[in-house]
Amino acid sequence: MKELLCGDDPEPSDRFPAGPLFVPVRPGTARCAARIFRTPLGDRTAVGFTSVSRLTTVLGADQAWIRLAEPALRALTAPLGVTAVTIDPQFSAPAPEPLHRWAPEATLATAEGTAR
């Protein structure tokens, strides 16, 4: 079997750091968490973009992000069992709408027996 040289290999087996990435996050009350996505086959993957314009093109201008190096993103998601990192995905499915929007004042009024 012929061994492929680096120039002949369409997908090099050695991972090269992607450099500083723009990583989409979900803001929380005290901290933010990296968003985990799914590949078309359903596997979980961390996502990073090489520019803000690429991130906003795919996820929208309202998407929060932080800067992380690719090794830091891998270290952050490894404890969650996420070993794949996708750089500059071309598209993303829209986030699903919640089935029911919770209204705390409506729940409180129902619990007290008053109608609004």
N, C-alpha and C. Protein backbone atom coordinates (compact mmCIF):
# COMPACT_ATOMS: atom_id res chain seq x y z
N MET A 1 0.85 -1.18 0.00
CA MET A 1 0.00 0.00 0.00
C MET A 1 0.89 1.23 0.00
N LYS A 2 0.59 2.17 -0.85
CA LYS A 2 1.37 3.39 -0.97
C LYS A 2 1.03 4.35 0.16
N GLU A 3 2.05 4.88 0.82
CA GLU A 3 1.83 5.86 1.88
C GLU A 3 1.67 7.24 1.26
N LEU A 4 0.61 7.94 1.65
CA LEU A 4 0.37 9.28 1.10
C LEU A 4 1.29 10.30 1.76
N LEU A 5 1.83 11.15 0.96
CA LEU A 5 2.62 12.26 1.48
C LEU A 5 1.69 13.38 1.86
N CYS A 6 2.18 14.34 2.64
CA CYS A 6 1.32 15.45 3.09
C CYS A 6 0.68 16.17 1.92
N GLY A 7 1.42 16.40 0.84
CA GLY A 7 0.86 17.12 -0.30
C GLY A 7 -0.19 16.32 -1.05
N ASP A 8 -0.15 14.98 -0.94
CA ASP A 8 -1.13 14.14 -1.63
C ASP A 8 -2.36 13.85 -0.79
N ASP A 9 -2.27 14.07 0.50
CA ASP A 9 -3.35 13.72 1.40
C ASP A 9 -4.45 14.78 1.35
N PRO A 10 -5.67 14.42 0.90
CA PRO A 10 -6.73 15.42 0.83
C PRO A 10 -7.20 15.89 2.20
N GLU A 11 -7.08 15.04 3.20
CA GLU A 11 -7.43 15.41 4.56
C GLU A 11 -6.30 15.00 5.48
N PRO A 12 -5.42 15.91 5.83
CA PRO A 12 -4.28 15.54 6.67
C PRO A 12 -4.74 14.94 7.98
N SER A 13 -4.01 13.94 8.45
CA SER A 13 -4.39 13.28 9.69
C SER A 13 -3.98 14.09 10.91
N ASP A 14 -3.00 14.95 10.77
CA ASP A 14 -2.58 15.80 11.89
C ASP A 14 -3.50 16.99 12.00
N ARG A 15 -3.97 17.23 13.24
CA ARG A 15 -4.82 18.40 13.46
C ARG A 15 -3.94 19.62 13.64
N PHE A 16 -4.27 20.69 12.96
CA PHE A 16 -3.56 21.95 13.12
C PHE A 16 -4.48 22.92 13.83
N PRO A 17 -3.98 23.65 14.82
CA PRO A 17 -4.84 24.62 15.51
C PRO A 17 -5.40 25.64 14.52
N ALA A 18 -6.66 25.95 14.68
CA ALA A 18 -7.32 26.88 13.78
C ALA A 18 -7.03 28.33 14.14
N GLY A 19 -6.39 28.58 15.26
CA GLY A 19 -6.14 29.95 15.68
C GLY A 19 -7.29 30.48 16.50
N PRO A 20 -7.29 31.76 16.81
CA PRO A 20 -8.38 32.33 17.59
C PRO A 20 -9.71 32.20 16.84
N LEU A 21 -10.71 31.72 17.54
CA LEU A 21 -12.02 31.51 16.93
C LEU A 21 -13.07 32.36 17.63
N PHE A 22 -14.13 32.65 16.91
CA PHE A 22 -15.31 33.30 17.46
C PHE A 22 -16.30 32.18 17.75
N VAL A 23 -16.52 31.91 19.04
CA VAL A 23 -17.31 30.76 19.48
C VAL A 23 -18.68 31.24 19.95
N PRO A 24 -19.77 30.72 19.37
CA PRO A 24 -21.10 31.10 19.82
C PRO A 24 -21.37 30.60 21.23
N VAL A 25 -21.97 31.45 22.05
CA VAL A 25 -22.26 31.11 23.44
C VAL A 25 -23.71 31.44 23.78
N ARG A 26 -24.17 30.81 24.86
CA ARG A 26 -25.46 31.13 25.46
C ARG A 26 -25.18 31.91 26.73
N PRO A 27 -25.59 33.17 26.81
CA PRO A 27 -25.36 33.92 28.04
C PRO A 27 -26.24 33.39 29.17
N GLY A 28 -25.68 33.36 30.37
CA GLY A 28 -26.43 32.95 31.55
C GLY A 28 -26.48 34.09 32.55
N THR A 29 -26.92 33.78 33.75
CA THR A 29 -27.03 34.83 34.76
C THR A 29 -25.66 35.26 35.27
N ALA A 30 -24.75 34.31 35.45
CA ALA A 30 -23.42 34.64 35.97
C ALA A 30 -22.32 34.41 34.94
N ARG A 31 -22.54 33.49 34.01
CA ARG A 31 -21.51 33.12 33.04
C ARG A 31 -22.16 32.85 31.69
N CYS A 32 -21.30 32.52 30.73
CA CYS A 32 -21.83 32.07 29.45
C CYS A 32 -21.32 30.66 29.18
N ALA A 33 -22.05 29.93 28.33
CA ALA A 33 -21.70 28.55 28.00
C ALA A 33 -21.58 28.41 26.49
N ALA A 34 -20.58 27.68 26.06
CA ALA A 34 -20.40 27.44 24.62
C ALA A 34 -21.60 26.64 24.10
N ARG A 35 -22.11 27.05 22.96
CA ARG A 35 -23.22 26.32 22.34
C ARG A 35 -22.67 25.06 21.67
N ILE A 36 -23.37 23.96 21.85
CA ILE A 36 -23.02 22.70 21.21
C ILE A 36 -24.04 22.47 20.10
N PHE A 37 -23.55 22.12 18.92
CA PHE A 37 -24.40 21.90 17.76
C PHE A 37 -24.40 20.43 17.38
N ARG A 38 -25.18 20.07 16.39
CA ARG A 38 -25.20 18.71 15.86
C ARG A 38 -24.81 18.75 14.39
N THR A 39 -24.08 17.72 13.98
CA THR A 39 -23.72 17.58 12.57
C THR A 39 -24.93 17.05 11.82
N PRO A 40 -24.91 17.04 10.48
CA PRO A 40 -26.04 16.48 9.74
C PRO A 40 -26.33 15.02 10.10
N LEU A 41 -25.32 14.30 10.60
CA LEU A 41 -25.53 12.90 11.01
C LEU A 41 -25.97 12.76 12.46
N GLY A 42 -26.07 13.88 13.17
CA GLY A 42 -26.57 13.87 14.54
C GLY A 42 -25.50 13.84 15.61
N ASP A 43 -24.23 13.82 15.25
CA ASP A 43 -23.16 13.84 16.24
C ASP A 43 -23.02 15.24 16.84
N ARG A 44 -22.64 15.30 18.10
CA ARG A 44 -22.45 16.60 18.76
C ARG A 44 -21.10 17.18 18.36
N THR A 45 -21.07 18.50 18.15
CA THR A 45 -19.84 19.18 17.76
C THR A 45 -19.81 20.58 18.35
N ALA A 46 -18.62 21.02 18.71
CA ALA A 46 -18.41 22.42 19.06
C ALA A 46 -18.19 23.17 17.76
N VAL A 47 -18.52 24.45 17.74
CA VAL A 47 -18.42 25.24 16.51
C VAL A 47 -17.62 26.50 16.78
N GLY A 48 -16.75 26.84 15.84
CA GLY A 48 -15.99 28.08 15.90
C GLY A 48 -15.94 28.72 14.53
N PHE A 49 -15.89 30.02 14.50
CA PHE A 49 -15.84 30.77 13.24
C PHE A 49 -14.54 31.56 13.20
N THR A 50 -14.00 31.72 12.00
CA THR A 50 -12.75 32.46 11.85
C THR A 50 -12.95 33.96 11.76
N SER A 51 -14.19 34.43 11.64
CA SER A 51 -14.46 35.87 11.63
C SER A 51 -15.86 36.13 12.16
N VAL A 52 -16.08 37.33 12.65
CA VAL A 52 -17.40 37.72 13.14
C VAL A 52 -18.41 37.72 11.99
N SER A 53 -17.98 38.15 10.81
CA SER A 53 -18.91 38.19 9.68
C SER A 53 -19.40 36.79 9.31
N ARG A 54 -18.55 35.79 9.39
CA ARG A 54 -19.00 34.42 9.11
C ARG A 54 -19.98 33.94 10.17
N LEU A 55 -19.70 34.27 11.43
CA LEU A 55 -20.61 33.89 12.51
C LEU A 55 -21.98 34.53 12.33
N THR A 56 -22.02 35.84 12.05
CA THR A 56 -23.30 36.52 11.91
C THR A 56 -24.05 36.10 10.65
N THR A 57 -23.33 35.72 9.60
CA THR A 57 -24.00 35.24 8.39
C THR A 57 -24.77 33.95 8.67
N VAL A 58 -24.19 33.07 9.48
CA VAL A 58 -24.82 31.78 9.74
C VAL A 58 -25.81 31.85 10.90
N LEU A 59 -25.45 32.55 11.99
CA LEU A 59 -26.27 32.52 13.20
C LEU A 59 -27.02 33.81 13.50
N GLY A 60 -26.75 34.86 12.76
CA GLY A 60 -27.46 36.11 12.98
C GLY A 60 -26.66 37.09 13.81
N ALA A 61 -27.02 38.35 13.68
CA ALA A 61 -26.28 39.43 14.36
C ALA A 61 -26.48 39.43 15.87
N ASP A 62 -27.57 38.81 16.36
CA ASP A 62 -27.84 38.80 17.80
C ASP A 62 -27.10 37.70 18.55
N GLN A 63 -26.39 36.84 17.85
CA GLN A 63 -25.70 35.72 18.50
C GLN A 63 -24.52 36.23 19.34
N ALA A 64 -24.52 35.89 20.61
CA ALA A 64 -23.39 36.24 21.49
C ALA A 64 -22.22 35.32 21.19
N TRP A 65 -21.00 35.83 21.39
CA TRP A 65 -19.81 35.03 21.10
C TRP A 65 -18.67 35.44 22.01
N ILE A 66 -17.68 34.55 22.11
CA ILE A 66 -16.44 34.85 22.81
C ILE A 66 -15.28 34.39 21.94
N ARG A 67 -14.09 34.91 22.20
CA ARG A 67 -12.89 34.48 21.46
C ARG A 67 -12.22 33.37 22.25
N LEU A 68 -11.94 32.26 21.57
CA LEU A 68 -11.22 31.15 22.17
C LEU A 68 -10.27 30.57 21.15
N ALA A 69 -9.15 30.09 21.60
CA ALA A 69 -8.26 29.33 20.72
C ALA A 69 -8.87 27.94 20.55
N GLU A 70 -8.58 27.30 19.43
CA GLU A 70 -9.14 25.99 19.13
C GLU A 70 -8.79 24.95 20.20
N PRO A 71 -7.56 24.90 20.72
CA PRO A 71 -7.28 23.94 21.80
C PRO A 71 -8.10 24.22 23.07
N ALA A 72 -8.36 25.49 23.36
CA ALA A 72 -9.17 25.84 24.53
C ALA A 72 -10.62 25.40 24.33
N LEU A 73 -11.14 25.55 23.12
CA LEU A 73 -12.50 25.10 22.82
C LEU A 73 -12.60 23.59 22.99
N ARG A 74 -11.60 22.87 22.50
CA ARG A 74 -11.59 21.41 22.67
C ARG A 74 -11.54 21.02 24.15
N ALA A 75 -10.70 21.71 24.92
CA ALA A 75 -10.58 21.42 26.35
C ALA A 75 -11.88 21.75 27.09
N LEU A 76 -12.59 22.77 26.66
CA LEU A 76 -13.84 23.18 27.27
C LEU A 76 -14.95 22.16 27.03
N THR A 77 -15.00 21.59 25.83
CA THR A 77 -16.10 20.69 25.48
C THR A 77 -15.78 19.21 25.70
N ALA A 78 -14.52 18.86 25.90
CA ALA A 78 -14.15 17.45 26.11
C ALA A 78 -14.85 16.81 27.31
N PRO A 79 -14.98 17.50 28.47
CA PRO A 79 -15.68 16.87 29.60
C PRO A 79 -17.15 16.56 29.29
N LEU A 80 -17.72 17.20 28.29
CA LEU A 80 -19.10 16.94 27.90
C LEU A 80 -19.20 15.79 26.90
N GLY A 81 -18.05 15.22 26.54
CA GLY A 81 -18.04 14.13 25.56
C GLY A 81 -18.04 14.61 24.12
N VAL A 82 -17.83 15.89 23.92
CA VAL A 82 -17.80 16.46 22.57
C VAL A 82 -16.34 16.53 22.13
N THR A 83 -15.99 15.73 21.13
CA THR A 83 -14.60 15.70 20.67
C THR A 83 -14.41 16.37 19.31
N ALA A 84 -15.49 16.60 18.59
CA ALA A 84 -15.40 17.21 17.26
C ALA A 84 -15.53 18.72 17.36
N VAL A 85 -14.78 19.41 16.51
CA VAL A 85 -14.89 20.87 16.37
C VAL A 85 -15.10 21.17 14.90
N THR A 86 -16.16 21.89 14.60
CA THR A 86 -16.46 22.29 13.23
C THR A 86 -16.09 23.76 13.07
N ILE A 87 -15.26 24.04 12.08
CA ILE A 87 -14.83 25.41 11.81
C ILE A 87 -15.59 25.95 10.61
N ASP A 88 -16.17 27.14 10.77
CA ASP A 88 -16.90 27.84 9.70
C ASP A 88 -17.95 26.99 9.01
N PRO A 89 -18.95 26.49 9.77
CA PRO A 89 -20.04 25.78 9.09
C PRO A 89 -20.77 26.73 8.16
N GLN A 90 -21.32 26.22 7.09
CA GLN A 90 -21.96 27.06 6.08
C GLN A 90 -23.40 27.40 6.41
N PHE A 91 -24.08 26.56 7.18
CA PHE A 91 -25.47 26.84 7.50
C PHE A 91 -25.82 26.22 8.84
N SER A 92 -26.94 26.64 9.38
CA SER A 92 -27.43 26.12 10.64
C SER A 92 -28.95 26.12 10.59
N ALA A 93 -29.56 25.10 11.15
CA ALA A 93 -31.02 25.06 11.23
C ALA A 93 -31.46 26.09 12.26
N PRO A 94 -32.61 26.72 12.06
CA PRO A 94 -33.07 27.69 13.06
C PRO A 94 -33.38 27.00 14.37
N ALA A 95 -33.22 27.73 15.46
CA ALA A 95 -33.55 27.19 16.77
C ALA A 95 -35.04 26.92 16.84
N PRO A 96 -35.45 25.80 17.43
CA PRO A 96 -36.88 25.50 17.51
C PRO A 96 -37.58 26.46 18.45
N GLU A 97 -38.80 26.80 18.12
CA GLU A 97 -39.61 27.65 18.99
C GLU A 97 -40.09 26.81 20.16
N PRO A 98 -40.16 27.40 21.36
CA PRO A 98 -40.69 26.62 22.49
C PRO A 98 -42.15 26.28 22.26
N LEU A 99 -42.57 25.11 22.72
CA LEU A 99 -43.95 24.68 22.53
C LEU A 99 -44.91 25.53 23.35
N HIS A 100 -44.48 25.97 24.50
CA HIS A 100 -45.34 26.76 25.37
C HIS A 100 -44.48 27.85 26.01
N ARG A 101 -44.95 29.05 25.92
CA ARG A 101 -44.24 30.15 26.59
C ARG A 101 -44.81 30.30 27.99
N TRP A 102 -43.94 30.25 28.96
CA TRP A 102 -44.34 30.32 30.35
C TRP A 102 -44.54 31.76 30.75
N ALA A 103 -45.67 32.06 31.34
CA ALA A 103 -45.97 33.42 31.81
C ALA A 103 -46.15 33.35 33.33
N PRO A 104 -45.17 33.81 34.11
CA PRO A 104 -45.25 33.66 35.57
C PRO A 104 -46.46 34.35 36.18
N GLU A 105 -46.86 35.52 35.65
CA GLU A 105 -48.02 36.21 36.23
C GLU A 105 -49.31 35.45 36.00
N ALA A 106 -49.44 34.75 34.86
CA ALA A 106 -50.64 33.96 34.59
C ALA A 106 -50.69 32.75 35.53
N THR A 107 -49.57 32.14 35.80
CA THR A 107 -49.52 31.00 36.71
C THR A 107 -49.87 31.44 38.12
N LEU A 108 -49.35 32.59 38.56
CA LEU A 108 -49.63 33.10 39.88
C LEU A 108 -51.11 33.42 40.02
N ALA A 109 -51.69 34.06 39.01
CA ALA A 109 -53.11 34.41 39.07
C ALA A 109 -53.96 33.16 39.13
N THR A 110 -53.62 32.10 38.41
CA THR A 110 -54.38 30.87 38.42
C THR A 110 -54.27 30.20 39.80
N ALA A 111 -53.08 30.23 40.38
CA ALA A 111 -52.86 29.60 41.69
C ALA A 111 -53.66 30.31 42.78
N GLU A 112 -53.84 31.62 42.66
CA GLU A 112 -54.59 32.38 43.67
C GLU A 112 -56.08 32.31 43.42
N GLY A 113 -56.49 31.78 42.27
CA GLY A 113 -57.91 31.66 41.98
C GLY A 113 -58.52 32.90 41.39
N THR A 114 -57.74 33.85 40.95
CA THR A 114 -58.27 35.06 40.34
C THR A 114 -58.11 34.97 38.84
N ALA A 115 -59.02 35.53 38.14
CA ALA A 115 -58.95 35.52 36.68
C ALA A 115 -58.46 36.87 36.20
N ARG A 116 -57.71 36.84 35.10
CA ARG A 116 -57.23 38.10 34.51
C ARG A 116 -57.84 38.28 33.18
